[in-house]
N, C-alpha and C. Protein backbone atom coordinates (compact mmCIF):
# COMPACT_ATOMS: atom_id res chain seq x y z
N MET A 1 -40.09 -97.50 -5.28
CA MET A 1 -39.62 -96.17 -4.53
C MET A 1 -39.85 -96.27 -3.10
N SER A 2 -38.58 -95.68 -2.24
CA SER A 2 -38.63 -96.17 -0.49
C SER A 2 -39.75 -95.21 -0.07
N GLU A 3 -39.86 -95.92 0.96
CA GLU A 3 -40.94 -95.29 2.09
C GLU A 3 -40.37 -94.22 2.75
N THR A 4 -40.88 -93.31 2.91
CA THR A 4 -40.44 -91.90 3.53
C THR A 4 -41.40 -92.08 5.00
N ARG A 5 -40.58 -91.10 5.87
CA ARG A 5 -41.29 -90.37 7.16
C ARG A 5 -41.01 -89.18 7.10
N GLU A 6 -42.22 -88.43 7.20
CA GLU A 6 -42.02 -86.73 7.16
C GLU A 6 -41.33 -86.33 5.65
N GLY A 7 -41.40 -86.96 4.68
CA GLY A 7 -40.88 -86.57 3.58
C GLY A 7 -39.32 -86.93 3.26
N VAL A 8 -38.72 -87.72 4.24
CA VAL A 8 -37.45 -88.38 4.05
C VAL A 8 -37.65 -89.75 4.05
N ASP A 9 -36.30 -90.43 3.21
CA ASP A 9 -36.25 -91.90 2.87
C ASP A 9 -35.95 -92.36 4.03
N ILE A 10 -36.54 -93.82 4.53
CA ILE A 10 -36.16 -94.11 5.90
C ILE A 10 -34.88 -94.98 5.86
N THR A 11 -34.34 -95.11 4.76
CA THR A 11 -33.07 -95.79 4.41
C THR A 11 -31.89 -94.97 5.01
N ILE A 12 -32.18 -93.17 4.42
CA ILE A 12 -31.13 -92.39 5.02
C ILE A 12 -31.50 -91.97 6.20
N LEU A 13 -32.73 -92.10 6.91
CA LEU A 13 -32.74 -91.95 8.41
C LEU A 13 -31.85 -93.00 9.13
N ALA A 14 -32.11 -94.50 8.49
CA ALA A 14 -31.46 -95.60 9.36
C ALA A 14 -29.76 -95.27 9.10
N ARG A 15 -29.22 -94.95 7.96
CA ARG A 15 -27.86 -94.78 7.90
C ARG A 15 -27.53 -93.62 8.83
N LEU A 16 -28.12 -92.70 8.98
CA LEU A 16 -28.13 -91.24 10.02
C LEU A 16 -28.02 -91.87 10.98
N GLU A 17 -28.68 -92.31 11.40
CA GLU A 17 -28.92 -92.99 12.98
C GLU A 17 -27.92 -93.69 13.14
N ALA A 18 -27.15 -94.76 12.18
CA ALA A 18 -26.03 -95.43 12.79
C ALA A 18 -24.58 -94.73 12.94
N LEU A 19 -24.62 -93.69 12.09
CA LEU A 19 -23.26 -92.73 12.05
C LEU A 19 -23.26 -92.09 13.29
N LEU A 20 -24.56 -91.79 13.69
CA LEU A 20 -24.73 -91.08 15.11
C LEU A 20 -24.48 -91.78 16.23
N PHE A 21 -24.94 -93.15 16.17
CA PHE A 21 -24.92 -93.85 17.23
C PHE A 21 -23.46 -94.45 17.55
N ALA A 22 -22.67 -94.70 16.00
CA ALA A 22 -21.23 -94.64 16.18
C ALA A 22 -20.26 -94.07 16.74
N SER A 23 -20.70 -92.64 16.74
CA SER A 23 -19.69 -91.25 16.69
C SER A 23 -20.13 -91.45 18.49
N ARG A 24 -18.73 -91.08 19.00
CA ARG A 24 -18.46 -90.74 20.35
C ARG A 24 -18.66 -89.53 20.58
N ARG A 25 -17.86 -88.47 19.64
CA ARG A 25 -17.96 -87.16 19.99
C ARG A 25 -18.62 -86.45 19.09
N GLY A 26 -20.01 -86.97 18.67
CA GLY A 26 -20.70 -86.42 17.82
C GLY A 26 -19.95 -85.94 16.35
N VAL A 27 -21.12 -85.71 15.23
CA VAL A 27 -20.36 -85.40 13.87
C VAL A 27 -20.95 -83.97 13.32
N SER A 28 -20.55 -83.42 12.51
CA SER A 28 -20.29 -82.27 11.97
C SER A 28 -21.84 -82.63 11.00
N LEU A 29 -22.43 -81.70 10.72
CA LEU A 29 -23.08 -81.70 9.49
C LEU A 29 -22.48 -81.89 8.31
N ALA A 30 -21.56 -81.15 8.22
CA ALA A 30 -20.66 -81.29 6.71
C ALA A 30 -20.00 -83.33 6.82
N GLU A 31 -19.74 -83.25 7.99
CA GLU A 31 -19.19 -85.00 8.14
C GLU A 31 -20.34 -85.96 7.74
N LEU A 32 -21.53 -85.47 8.10
CA LEU A 32 -22.90 -86.62 7.90
C LEU A 32 -23.09 -86.26 6.03
N ALA A 33 -22.96 -85.26 5.47
CA ALA A 33 -23.60 -85.41 4.34
C ALA A 33 -22.39 -85.94 3.45
N ARG A 34 -20.97 -85.68 3.71
CA ARG A 34 -20.06 -86.42 3.18
C ARG A 34 -20.07 -87.91 3.06
N ALA A 35 -20.20 -88.67 4.38
CA ALA A 35 -20.36 -90.21 4.90
C ALA A 35 -21.67 -90.55 3.93
N LEU A 36 -22.46 -89.62 3.80
CA LEU A 36 -24.17 -90.28 3.43
C LEU A 36 -24.03 -89.73 1.75
N GLU A 37 -23.20 -88.93 1.36
CA GLU A 37 -23.02 -88.48 -0.11
C GLU A 37 -24.43 -87.66 -0.13
N LEU A 38 -24.75 -86.73 0.45
CA LEU A 38 -25.91 -86.13 0.28
C LEU A 38 -25.53 -84.62 0.69
N ASP A 39 -26.33 -83.58 0.11
CA ASP A 39 -26.19 -82.20 0.29
C ASP A 39 -26.58 -82.01 2.08
N ALA A 40 -26.20 -81.17 2.05
CA ALA A 40 -26.05 -80.59 3.62
C ALA A 40 -27.70 -80.24 3.93
N GLU A 41 -28.64 -79.71 3.18
CA GLU A 41 -29.85 -79.38 3.44
C GLU A 41 -30.52 -80.63 3.70
N GLU A 42 -30.36 -81.62 2.86
CA GLU A 42 -31.13 -83.01 3.04
C GLU A 42 -30.82 -83.65 4.50
N VAL A 43 -29.62 -83.71 4.62
CA VAL A 43 -29.03 -84.11 6.08
C VAL A 43 -29.68 -83.19 7.24
N GLU A 44 -29.63 -82.15 7.00
CA GLU A 44 -30.42 -81.09 7.84
C GLU A 44 -31.86 -81.46 8.03
N LYS A 45 -32.44 -81.66 7.16
CA LYS A 45 -33.95 -82.01 7.18
C LYS A 45 -34.15 -83.61 7.75
N SER A 46 -33.20 -84.55 7.49
CA SER A 46 -33.37 -85.71 7.94
C SER A 46 -32.69 -85.73 9.38
N LEU A 47 -32.09 -84.95 9.99
CA LEU A 47 -31.71 -84.53 11.42
C LEU A 47 -32.78 -83.93 12.17
N LYS A 48 -33.55 -83.08 11.90
CA LYS A 48 -34.98 -82.78 12.43
C LYS A 48 -35.72 -83.88 12.86
N VAL A 49 -36.16 -84.82 11.44
CA VAL A 49 -37.03 -85.79 11.70
C VAL A 49 -36.47 -86.73 12.86
N LEU A 50 -35.27 -87.22 12.92
CA LEU A 50 -34.82 -87.86 13.97
C LEU A 50 -34.81 -87.21 15.28
N LYS A 51 -34.32 -86.09 15.37
CA LYS A 51 -34.58 -85.21 16.48
C LYS A 51 -36.23 -85.14 16.98
N LYS A 52 -37.06 -85.07 16.21
CA LYS A 52 -38.16 -85.06 16.49
C LYS A 52 -38.74 -86.51 17.20
N ARG A 53 -38.11 -87.64 16.23
CA ARG A 53 -38.59 -89.03 16.65
C ARG A 53 -38.02 -89.32 18.09
N TYR A 54 -36.83 -89.09 18.41
CA TYR A 54 -36.15 -89.16 19.84
C TYR A 54 -36.62 -88.13 20.85
N ALA A 55 -37.09 -87.45 20.38
CA ALA A 55 -38.07 -86.52 21.23
C ALA A 55 -39.16 -86.74 22.31
N ALA A 56 -39.60 -87.99 21.58
CA ALA A 56 -40.82 -88.78 22.07
C ALA A 56 -40.82 -89.22 23.42
N ASP A 57 -41.82 -89.58 24.15
CA ASP A 57 -41.52 -90.20 25.44
C ASP A 57 -40.99 -91.57 25.55
N ASP A 58 -41.05 -92.56 24.18
CA ASP A 58 -40.99 -93.60 24.14
C ASP A 58 -39.64 -94.15 24.13
N HIS A 59 -38.59 -92.73 24.04
CA HIS A 59 -37.16 -92.89 23.89
C HIS A 59 -36.30 -92.55 25.09
N GLY A 60 -35.46 -93.25 25.40
CA GLY A 60 -34.58 -93.00 26.72
C GLY A 60 -33.18 -91.87 26.28
N VAL A 61 -33.10 -91.83 25.00
CA VAL A 61 -32.07 -90.87 24.38
C VAL A 61 -32.74 -89.53 23.39
N GLU A 62 -32.18 -88.62 23.63
CA GLU A 62 -32.51 -87.58 22.53
C GLU A 62 -30.88 -87.31 21.48
N LEU A 63 -31.64 -86.71 20.44
CA LEU A 63 -30.64 -86.43 19.31
C LEU A 63 -30.46 -84.59 19.84
N ARG A 64 -29.13 -84.27 20.21
CA ARG A 64 -29.10 -82.49 20.01
C ARG A 64 -27.59 -82.41 19.54
N GLU A 65 -27.65 -80.92 19.23
CA GLU A 65 -26.44 -80.28 18.55
C GLU A 65 -25.70 -79.34 19.75
N PHE A 66 -24.69 -79.62 19.73
CA PHE A 66 -23.89 -78.75 20.85
C PHE A 66 -22.53 -78.45 19.94
N GLY A 67 -21.90 -77.30 20.11
CA GLY A 67 -20.87 -76.96 19.24
C GLY A 67 -20.71 -77.66 17.52
N GLY A 68 -21.71 -77.38 17.25
CA GLY A 68 -21.97 -77.76 15.66
C GLY A 68 -21.94 -79.43 15.27
N ARG A 69 -21.74 -80.12 16.51
CA ARG A 69 -21.90 -81.42 16.41
C ARG A 69 -22.63 -82.16 17.04
N TRP A 70 -23.51 -83.17 15.93
CA TRP A 70 -24.52 -83.85 16.34
C TRP A 70 -24.33 -85.42 17.14
N ARG A 71 -25.13 -85.58 18.11
CA ARG A 71 -25.13 -86.74 18.93
C ARG A 71 -26.02 -86.94 19.81
N PHE A 72 -26.39 -88.37 20.15
CA PHE A 72 -27.24 -88.89 21.39
C PHE A 72 -26.87 -88.60 22.52
N TYR A 73 -27.49 -88.29 23.29
CA TYR A 73 -27.42 -88.02 24.80
C TYR A 73 -28.59 -88.81 25.63
N VAL A 74 -28.01 -89.27 26.45
CA VAL A 74 -29.11 -89.80 27.34
C VAL A 74 -29.90 -89.06 28.01
N LYS A 75 -31.38 -89.21 28.00
CA LYS A 75 -32.24 -87.99 28.54
C LYS A 75 -31.89 -87.95 29.93
N SER A 76 -32.10 -86.84 30.67
CA SER A 76 -31.92 -86.89 32.08
C SER A 76 -32.36 -87.65 32.98
N GLY A 77 -33.80 -87.78 32.78
CA GLY A 77 -34.49 -88.55 33.44
C GLY A 77 -34.10 -90.04 33.47
N TYR A 78 -33.24 -90.54 32.65
CA TYR A 78 -32.75 -91.77 32.52
C TYR A 78 -31.13 -92.14 33.13
N LEU A 79 -30.36 -91.04 33.63
CA LEU A 79 -29.19 -91.03 33.84
C LEU A 79 -29.13 -91.91 34.86
N GLU A 80 -30.02 -91.98 36.04
CA GLU A 80 -29.79 -92.64 37.16
C GLU A 80 -29.93 -94.30 36.76
N TYR A 81 -30.80 -94.49 35.93
CA TYR A 81 -30.33 -95.98 35.71
C TYR A 81 -29.12 -96.34 34.59
N VAL A 82 -28.97 -95.25 33.96
CA VAL A 82 -27.43 -95.67 33.13
C VAL A 82 -26.24 -95.83 33.94
N SER A 83 -26.06 -94.89 34.97
CA SER A 83 -25.04 -95.04 36.08
C SER A 83 -24.84 -96.14 36.70
N ARG A 84 -26.01 -97.06 36.71
CA ARG A 84 -25.96 -98.49 37.32
C ARG A 84 -24.87 -99.20 36.89
N ILE A 85 -25.15 -99.07 35.62
CA ILE A 85 -24.17 -100.05 34.78
C ILE A 85 -22.94 -99.35 34.09
N ARG A 86 -22.90 -98.23 34.05
CA ARG A 86 -21.71 -97.31 33.27
C ARG A 86 -21.65 -95.94 33.75
N ARG A 87 -20.27 -95.41 33.97
CA ARG A 87 -20.25 -94.06 34.30
C ARG A 87 -20.60 -93.20 32.92
N VAL A 88 -21.81 -92.27 33.29
CA VAL A 88 -22.23 -91.68 32.30
C VAL A 88 -21.15 -90.40 31.96
N TYR A 89 -20.80 -89.85 33.02
CA TYR A 89 -19.80 -88.59 33.05
C TYR A 89 -18.86 -88.58 34.14
N ALA A 90 -17.90 -89.40 34.14
CA ALA A 90 -16.58 -89.66 35.34
C ALA A 90 -16.47 -88.09 36.13
N LYS A 91 -16.75 -86.76 35.63
CA LYS A 91 -15.92 -85.60 35.83
C LYS A 91 -17.12 -85.26 36.92
N LYS A 92 -16.64 -85.48 38.30
CA LYS A 92 -17.56 -84.67 39.06
C LYS A 92 -16.65 -83.53 39.91
N LEU A 93 -17.34 -82.37 39.54
CA LEU A 93 -16.04 -81.20 40.14
C LEU A 93 -16.63 -80.85 41.22
N SER A 94 -15.52 -80.26 41.66
CA SER A 94 -15.53 -79.90 43.35
C SER A 94 -16.16 -78.40 43.34
N PRO A 95 -16.62 -78.02 44.19
CA PRO A 95 -16.79 -76.52 44.20
C PRO A 95 -15.74 -75.70 44.04
N SER A 96 -14.31 -75.96 44.11
CA SER A 96 -13.29 -74.95 44.30
C SER A 96 -12.92 -74.93 42.33
N GLN A 97 -13.03 -76.15 42.16
CA GLN A 97 -12.90 -76.36 40.49
C GLN A 97 -13.84 -75.39 39.85
N LEU A 98 -15.26 -75.79 40.40
CA LEU A 98 -16.07 -74.60 39.81
C LEU A 98 -15.76 -73.46 40.09
N GLU A 99 -15.42 -72.82 41.07
CA GLU A 99 -15.11 -71.47 40.98
C GLU A 99 -13.88 -71.04 40.18
N VAL A 100 -12.97 -72.05 40.06
CA VAL A 100 -11.76 -71.81 38.65
C VAL A 100 -12.46 -71.53 37.76
N LEU A 101 -13.72 -72.29 37.29
CA LEU A 101 -14.25 -72.47 35.67
C LEU A 101 -14.77 -71.26 35.51
N ALA A 102 -15.74 -70.84 36.75
CA ALA A 102 -16.10 -69.80 36.74
C ALA A 102 -15.39 -68.36 36.40
N ALA A 103 -14.10 -68.55 37.01
CA ALA A 103 -13.37 -67.32 36.76
C ALA A 103 -13.00 -67.13 35.28
N VAL A 104 -12.42 -68.64 34.92
CA VAL A 104 -11.71 -68.21 33.38
C VAL A 104 -13.16 -68.01 32.34
N ALA A 105 -14.20 -68.36 32.78
CA ALA A 105 -15.14 -68.21 31.79
C ALA A 105 -15.40 -66.88 31.95
N ILE A 106 -15.57 -65.92 33.11
CA ILE A 106 -15.88 -64.53 32.99
C ILE A 106 -14.52 -63.61 32.58
N LYS A 107 -13.52 -64.13 32.82
CA LYS A 107 -12.29 -63.38 32.46
C LYS A 107 -11.91 -63.95 30.87
N GLY A 108 -12.07 -65.03 30.50
CA GLY A 108 -11.57 -65.40 28.98
C GLY A 108 -10.38 -65.87 29.25
N GLU A 109 -9.27 -65.65 28.31
CA GLU A 109 -8.11 -66.12 28.65
C GLU A 109 -7.25 -65.47 29.64
N THR A 110 -6.94 -66.16 30.78
CA THR A 110 -6.38 -65.68 31.72
C THR A 110 -5.16 -66.66 32.37
N THR A 111 -4.71 -65.95 33.36
CA THR A 111 -3.38 -66.62 34.05
C THR A 111 -3.79 -67.03 35.44
N ARG A 112 -3.03 -67.84 36.06
CA ARG A 112 -3.01 -68.22 37.50
C ARG A 112 -3.42 -67.51 38.36
N ALA A 113 -2.63 -66.14 38.00
CA ALA A 113 -2.47 -65.18 39.06
C ALA A 113 -3.78 -64.55 38.97
N GLU A 114 -4.11 -64.36 37.79
CA GLU A 114 -5.25 -63.81 37.81
C GLU A 114 -6.76 -64.38 38.19
N VAL A 115 -6.59 -65.72 38.16
CA VAL A 115 -7.78 -66.56 38.95
C VAL A 115 -7.74 -66.51 40.18
N GLU A 116 -6.48 -66.21 40.66
CA GLU A 116 -6.14 -66.45 42.26
C GLU A 116 -6.55 -65.17 42.93
N ARG A 117 -6.60 -64.03 42.10
CA ARG A 117 -6.69 -62.62 42.40
C ARG A 117 -8.32 -62.53 42.53
N MET A 118 -8.97 -63.43 41.60
CA MET A 118 -10.45 -63.51 41.58
C MET A 118 -11.06 -64.19 42.61
N ARG A 119 -10.47 -65.16 43.10
CA ARG A 119 -10.88 -66.25 43.98
C ARG A 119 -10.36 -65.90 45.73
N MET A 120 -9.35 -65.20 45.27
CA MET A 120 -8.62 -64.77 46.49
C MET A 120 -7.87 -65.99 47.51
N LYS A 121 -7.91 -67.00 46.48
CA LYS A 121 -7.15 -68.59 46.89
C LYS A 121 -6.29 -69.02 46.13
N GLU A 122 -5.18 -69.70 46.68
CA GLU A 122 -4.23 -70.48 45.67
C GLU A 122 -5.34 -71.48 44.70
N SER A 123 -4.70 -71.25 43.59
CA SER A 123 -5.76 -72.34 42.64
C SER A 123 -4.49 -73.39 41.37
N SER A 124 -3.43 -73.42 41.96
CA SER A 124 -2.47 -74.06 40.95
C SER A 124 -3.48 -75.51 40.91
N ALA A 125 -3.68 -76.23 42.26
CA ALA A 125 -3.88 -77.58 41.91
C ALA A 125 -5.50 -77.57 41.12
N GLN A 126 -6.12 -76.74 41.49
CA GLN A 126 -7.42 -76.76 40.74
C GLN A 126 -7.25 -76.78 38.94
N LEU A 127 -6.28 -75.70 38.78
CA LEU A 127 -6.18 -75.31 36.99
C LEU A 127 -5.33 -76.94 36.58
N ARG A 128 -4.66 -77.23 37.30
CA ARG A 128 -3.87 -78.63 36.71
C ARG A 128 -4.73 -79.53 36.59
N ASP A 129 -5.79 -79.92 37.84
CA ASP A 129 -6.75 -80.94 37.47
C ASP A 129 -7.77 -80.69 36.38
N LEU A 130 -8.18 -79.44 36.22
CA LEU A 130 -9.23 -79.04 35.12
C LEU A 130 -8.67 -78.91 33.73
N VAL A 131 -7.13 -79.03 33.82
CA VAL A 131 -6.28 -79.04 32.45
C VAL A 131 -6.26 -80.61 32.18
N LYS A 132 -5.92 -81.27 33.36
CA LYS A 132 -6.19 -82.96 33.11
C LYS A 132 -7.47 -83.27 32.51
N LEU A 133 -8.59 -82.89 33.24
CA LEU A 133 -9.83 -83.21 32.82
C LEU A 133 -10.31 -83.01 31.56
N ASN A 134 -9.45 -82.13 30.83
CA ASN A 134 -9.79 -81.49 29.58
C ASN A 134 -10.64 -80.62 29.71
N LEU A 135 -10.99 -79.66 30.69
CA LEU A 135 -11.98 -78.71 30.54
C LEU A 135 -11.44 -77.34 30.40
N LEU A 136 -10.23 -77.45 30.56
CA LEU A 136 -9.23 -76.16 30.27
C LEU A 136 -8.14 -76.49 29.83
N ASN A 137 -7.81 -75.36 28.54
CA ASN A 137 -6.43 -75.23 27.77
C ASN A 137 -5.46 -74.68 28.45
N ARG A 138 -4.56 -75.09 27.96
CA ARG A 138 -3.36 -74.12 28.82
C ARG A 138 -2.34 -74.10 27.88
N LYS A 139 -1.85 -73.05 27.58
CA LYS A 139 -0.86 -72.19 26.47
C LYS A 139 0.22 -71.51 27.16
N ARG A 140 1.34 -71.53 27.04
CA ARG A 140 2.65 -70.84 27.67
C ARG A 140 2.34 -69.28 26.62
N LYS A 141 2.28 -68.33 27.36
CA LYS A 141 2.32 -66.82 26.80
C LYS A 141 3.47 -66.04 27.54
N GLY A 142 4.66 -66.03 26.97
CA GLY A 142 5.59 -65.27 27.51
C GLY A 142 6.04 -66.15 28.73
N ARG A 143 6.34 -65.61 29.93
CA ARG A 143 6.96 -66.60 31.19
C ARG A 143 5.88 -67.37 31.94
N SER A 144 4.46 -66.74 31.80
CA SER A 144 3.47 -67.86 32.38
C SER A 144 2.51 -68.49 31.51
N PHE A 145 1.49 -69.34 31.99
CA PHE A 145 0.68 -70.04 31.21
C PHE A 145 -0.63 -69.24 31.09
N VAL A 146 -1.64 -69.01 30.02
CA VAL A 146 -2.66 -68.90 30.08
C VAL A 146 -3.63 -70.12 29.77
N TYR A 147 -4.72 -69.64 30.56
CA TYR A 147 -6.10 -70.77 30.39
C TYR A 147 -7.29 -70.31 29.73
N THR A 148 -7.55 -71.16 29.17
CA THR A 148 -8.79 -70.67 28.40
C THR A 148 -9.68 -72.27 28.40
N LEU A 149 -11.14 -71.65 28.14
CA LEU A 149 -12.15 -72.96 28.16
C LEU A 149 -12.00 -73.79 26.91
N SER A 150 -12.09 -75.12 27.19
CA SER A 150 -12.00 -76.15 25.91
C SER A 150 -13.26 -76.60 25.55
N ALA A 151 -13.09 -77.31 24.36
CA ALA A 151 -14.15 -77.41 23.67
C ALA A 151 -15.24 -78.63 24.56
N GLU A 152 -14.20 -79.33 25.20
CA GLU A 152 -14.78 -80.51 26.10
C GLU A 152 -15.84 -79.57 27.33
N PHE A 153 -15.04 -78.47 27.76
CA PHE A 153 -16.02 -77.44 28.89
C PHE A 153 -17.38 -77.41 28.20
N TYR A 154 -17.65 -76.94 26.83
CA TYR A 154 -18.63 -76.63 26.24
C TYR A 154 -19.64 -77.93 26.29
N GLU A 155 -18.81 -79.15 25.87
CA GLU A 155 -20.07 -80.17 25.83
C GLU A 155 -20.31 -80.30 27.47
N TYR A 156 -19.18 -80.66 28.34
CA TYR A 156 -19.77 -81.07 29.46
C TYR A 156 -21.07 -80.06 29.94
N PHE A 157 -21.08 -78.67 29.94
CA PHE A 157 -22.05 -78.17 30.40
C PHE A 157 -23.14 -77.91 29.14
N GLN A 158 -22.65 -78.37 28.05
CA GLN A 158 -23.95 -78.65 27.18
C GLN A 158 -24.20 -77.07 26.64
N LEU A 159 -23.06 -76.13 26.21
CA LEU A 159 -23.23 -74.85 26.00
C LEU A 159 -22.82 -74.75 24.43
N GLU A 160 -23.16 -73.75 23.66
CA GLU A 160 -23.16 -73.53 22.14
C GLU A 160 -21.93 -72.21 22.21
N ASP A 161 -22.31 -71.39 23.31
CA ASP A 161 -21.31 -70.42 23.60
C ASP A 161 -21.60 -70.11 25.12
N ILE A 162 -20.38 -69.41 25.66
CA ILE A 162 -20.32 -68.99 26.72
C ILE A 162 -21.30 -67.88 27.11
N SER A 163 -21.67 -67.23 26.16
CA SER A 163 -22.72 -66.23 26.48
C SER A 163 -24.01 -66.76 26.80
N GLU A 164 -24.52 -67.79 26.66
CA GLU A 164 -25.22 -68.61 27.14
C GLU A 164 -25.16 -68.85 28.62
N LEU A 165 -24.22 -69.12 28.99
CA LEU A 165 -23.81 -69.30 30.77
C LEU A 165 -24.16 -68.02 31.37
N LEU A 166 -23.28 -66.68 30.91
CA LEU A 166 -23.22 -65.52 31.27
C LEU A 166 -24.49 -64.74 31.16
N SER A 167 -25.37 -65.09 30.41
CA SER A 167 -26.48 -64.31 30.08
C SER A 167 -27.65 -64.62 31.27
N ASP A 168 -28.92 -63.80 31.45
CA ASP A 168 -29.74 -63.96 32.52
C ASP A 168 -31.07 -64.61 31.93
N ASN A 169 -30.78 -64.86 30.45
CA ASN A 169 -31.94 -65.51 29.60
C ASN A 169 -31.96 -66.90 29.81
N ARG A 170 -31.18 -67.47 30.35
CA ARG A 170 -30.92 -68.85 30.28
C ARG A 170 -32.41 -69.40 31.24
């Protein structure tokens, strides 16, 4: 019989940990279940055990779920050290870029003209930069382009849903 931790086989925990470690963008519950050849309930139980284990003070990383994808993140108290050898997140946003993101977040699908009306400033350079940074999506609608928040926006700000950003309960 295999050794268990909190009712979960430790070999499953080790395999799960390896999958999560190897993932750059995170892994969904369904993908993990398929890779481990387990049912989703078993994987979810194992994820909870790993999450609890990595929440302890003796770990510099933590396991979190954002946008339906599980992955390891460096705990905020250790980002300073990690940044000495590796860029943690290369995207440093300017105040004007943050204003544009806020306008798109508030308005939802929006055009450049609508963003400029909200900011009362020219915004094409910021919109272009934010699309290049993959924080905004751009698609043609009629004669103009519309901008929406990208999945990477939610990951960057570690949000599940835009309502978390817009609510007072945060």
